[in-house]
Amino acid sequence: MTEAELYGRAKQLAERVRTAKYPALLPAFAREAIQEAAALIEELATREAKRCREQKTTGKQ
């Protein structure tokens, strides 16, 4: 998933959560949204950790 796709999916998920209308469906909907949000967060964290590992360090840290 590219950065743009990741950002777009996160925006879609946020909009979907804001516009949920049927209370009877909210528990299942919430579970699905939480799982997808967790996957997006995990993807971002993995990329950030990789970026930090690849970053050159200086001796004055």
N, C-alpha and C. Protein backbone atom coordinates (compact mmCIF):
# COMPACT_ATOMS: atom_id res chain seq x y z
N MET A 1 0.85 -1.17 0.00
CA MET A 1 0.00 0.00 0.00
C MET A 1 0.90 1.24 0.00
N THR A 2 0.66 2.14 -0.92
CA THR A 2 1.46 3.36 -0.99
C THR A 2 1.01 4.34 0.10
N GLU A 3 1.81 5.37 0.29
CA GLU A 3 1.47 6.39 1.30
C GLU A 3 0.12 7.03 0.97
N ALA A 4 -0.10 7.33 -0.31
CA ALA A 4 -1.35 7.96 -0.72
C ALA A 4 -2.54 7.02 -0.49
N GLU A 5 -2.37 5.74 -0.77
CA GLU A 5 -3.45 4.77 -0.54
C GLU A 5 -3.75 4.62 0.95
N LEU A 6 -2.69 4.59 1.75
CA LEU A 6 -2.85 4.48 3.20
C LEU A 6 -3.60 5.69 3.75
N TYR A 7 -3.20 6.87 3.32
CA TYR A 7 -3.87 8.10 3.75
C TYR A 7 -5.33 8.13 3.29
N GLY A 8 -5.55 7.75 2.05
CA GLY A 8 -6.92 7.74 1.52
C GLY A 8 -7.81 6.76 2.26
N ARG A 9 -7.29 5.59 2.57
CA ARG A 9 -8.07 4.58 3.29
C ARG A 9 -8.39 5.06 4.71
N ALA A 10 -7.44 5.70 5.34
CA ALA A 10 -7.67 6.23 6.69
C ALA A 10 -8.76 7.31 6.66
N LYS A 11 -8.73 8.17 5.64
CA LYS A 11 -9.77 9.20 5.51
C LYS A 11 -11.14 8.56 5.26
N GLN A 12 -11.20 7.54 4.41
CA GLN A 12 -12.46 6.85 4.14
C GLN A 12 -13.01 6.21 5.40
N LEU A 13 -12.15 5.58 6.16
CA LEU A 13 -12.56 4.93 7.40
C LEU A 13 -13.10 5.96 8.39
N ALA A 14 -12.42 7.07 8.53
CA ALA A 14 -12.88 8.13 9.43
C ALA A 14 -14.25 8.66 9.01
N GLU A 15 -14.43 8.87 7.71
CA GLU A 15 -15.72 9.37 7.21
C GLU A 15 -16.82 8.34 7.43
N ARG A 16 -16.51 7.09 7.21
CA ARG A 16 -17.50 6.02 7.41
C ARG A 16 -17.95 5.96 8.86
N VAL A 17 -17.02 6.11 9.78
CA VAL A 17 -17.36 6.08 11.21
C VAL A 17 -18.22 7.28 11.57
N ARG A 18 -17.89 8.45 11.03
CA ARG A 18 -18.67 9.66 11.33
C ARG A 18 -20.10 9.58 10.81
N THR A 19 -20.31 8.85 9.73
CA THR A 19 -21.64 8.84 9.11
C THR A 19 -22.46 7.58 9.40
N ALA A 20 -22.03 6.77 10.35
CA ALA A 20 -22.78 5.55 10.71
C ALA A 20 -24.15 5.96 11.23
N LYS A 21 -25.22 5.32 10.69
CA LYS A 21 -26.58 5.76 11.01
C LYS A 21 -27.44 4.72 11.71
N TYR A 22 -27.13 3.46 11.60
CA TYR A 22 -28.03 2.44 12.13
C TYR A 22 -27.52 1.87 13.44
N PRO A 23 -28.13 2.25 14.57
CA PRO A 23 -27.64 1.80 15.89
C PRO A 23 -27.54 0.29 16.04
N ALA A 24 -28.41 -0.46 15.42
CA ALA A 24 -28.37 -1.91 15.56
C ALA A 24 -27.12 -2.50 14.91
N LEU A 25 -26.59 -1.83 13.93
CA LEU A 25 -25.42 -2.32 13.23
C LEU A 25 -24.10 -1.80 13.82
N LEU A 26 -24.18 -0.87 14.75
CA LEU A 26 -22.97 -0.25 15.27
C LEU A 26 -21.99 -1.22 15.93
N PRO A 27 -22.42 -2.20 16.73
CA PRO A 27 -21.42 -3.09 17.32
C PRO A 27 -20.55 -3.81 16.28
N ALA A 28 -21.16 -4.37 15.27
CA ALA A 28 -20.40 -5.05 14.22
C ALA A 28 -19.58 -4.04 13.43
N PHE A 29 -20.17 -2.91 13.14
CA PHE A 29 -19.50 -1.86 12.40
C PHE A 29 -18.30 -1.34 13.19
N ALA A 30 -18.49 -1.13 14.48
CA ALA A 30 -17.41 -0.63 15.33
C ALA A 30 -16.26 -1.63 15.38
N ARG A 31 -16.58 -2.88 15.52
CA ARG A 31 -15.54 -3.91 15.57
C ARG A 31 -14.72 -3.91 14.28
N GLU A 32 -15.41 -3.84 13.15
CA GLU A 32 -14.74 -3.82 11.85
C GLU A 32 -13.87 -2.57 11.70
N ALA A 33 -14.41 -1.43 12.11
CA ALA A 33 -13.67 -0.17 12.00
C ALA A 33 -12.44 -0.19 12.90
N ILE A 34 -12.58 -0.71 14.10
CA ILE A 34 -11.45 -0.78 15.03
C ILE A 34 -10.37 -1.70 14.48
N GLN A 35 -10.76 -2.84 13.92
CA GLN A 35 -9.78 -3.77 13.36
C GLN A 35 -9.03 -3.13 12.19
N GLU A 36 -9.75 -2.44 11.33
CA GLU A 36 -9.10 -1.81 10.19
C GLU A 36 -8.20 -0.66 10.64
N ALA A 37 -8.66 0.12 11.60
CA ALA A 37 -7.84 1.21 12.12
C ALA A 37 -6.56 0.66 12.75
N ALA A 38 -6.68 -0.44 13.48
CA ALA A 38 -5.49 -1.05 14.08
C ALA A 38 -4.52 -1.53 13.01
N ALA A 39 -5.03 -2.07 11.93
CA ALA A 39 -4.16 -2.51 10.83
C ALA A 39 -3.44 -1.32 10.19
N LEU A 40 -4.15 -0.21 10.01
CA LEU A 40 -3.53 0.98 9.44
C LEU A 40 -2.46 1.53 10.37
N ILE A 41 -2.74 1.55 11.67
CA ILE A 41 -1.76 2.03 12.65
C ILE A 41 -0.53 1.13 12.65
N GLU A 42 -0.75 -0.17 12.58
CA GLU A 42 0.37 -1.11 12.55
C GLU A 42 1.24 -0.88 11.30
N GLU A 43 0.61 -0.63 10.17
CA GLU A 43 1.33 -0.36 8.93
C GLU A 43 2.17 0.92 9.07
N LEU A 44 1.57 1.96 9.63
CA LEU A 44 2.31 3.21 9.84
C LEU A 44 3.48 3.02 10.80
N ALA A 45 3.26 2.29 11.89
CA ALA A 45 4.31 2.06 12.87
C ALA A 45 5.46 1.25 12.26
N THR A 46 5.13 0.27 11.44
CA THR A 46 6.16 -0.54 10.79
C THR A 46 7.01 0.32 9.86
N ARG A 47 6.35 1.18 9.10
CA ARG A 47 7.09 2.07 8.19
C ARG A 47 7.98 3.04 8.97
N GLU A 48 7.46 3.59 10.06
CA GLU A 48 8.23 4.54 10.86
C GLU A 48 9.44 3.85 11.50
N ALA A 49 9.24 2.64 12.01
CA ALA A 49 10.36 1.90 12.60
C ALA A 49 11.43 1.60 11.55
N LYS A 50 11.00 1.23 10.36
CA LYS A 50 11.95 0.95 9.27
C LYS A 50 12.72 2.22 8.91
N ARG A 51 12.01 3.33 8.83
CA ARG A 51 12.64 4.60 8.49
C ARG A 51 13.68 4.98 9.55
N CYS A 52 13.35 4.77 10.82
CA CYS A 52 14.28 5.10 11.90
C CYS A 52 15.52 4.20 11.86
N ARG A 53 15.33 2.92 11.58
CA ARG A 53 16.46 1.99 11.52
C ARG A 53 17.40 2.35 10.37
N GLU A 54 16.85 2.81 9.26
CA GLU A 54 17.66 3.12 8.08
C GLU A 54 18.31 4.50 8.16
N GLN A 55 17.86 5.32 9.09
CA GLN A 55 18.39 6.67 9.21
C GLN A 55 19.81 6.63 9.76
N LYS A 56 20.67 7.41 9.17
CA LYS A 56 22.06 7.47 9.65
C LYS A 56 22.09 8.21 10.97
N THR A 57 22.95 7.76 11.87
CA THR A 57 23.09 8.41 13.17
C THR A 57 24.43 9.13 13.23
N THR A 58 24.49 10.13 14.08
CA THR A 58 25.74 10.86 14.29
C THR A 58 26.29 10.50 15.66
N GLY A 59 27.52 10.82 15.89
CA GLY A 59 28.16 10.48 17.16
C GLY A 59 27.73 11.37 18.32
N LYS A 60 27.02 12.46 18.07
CA LYS A 60 26.65 13.42 19.11
C LYS A 60 25.21 13.25 19.59
N GLN A 61 24.76 12.06 19.76
CA GLN A 61 23.38 11.85 20.21
C GLN A 61 23.33 11.49 21.65
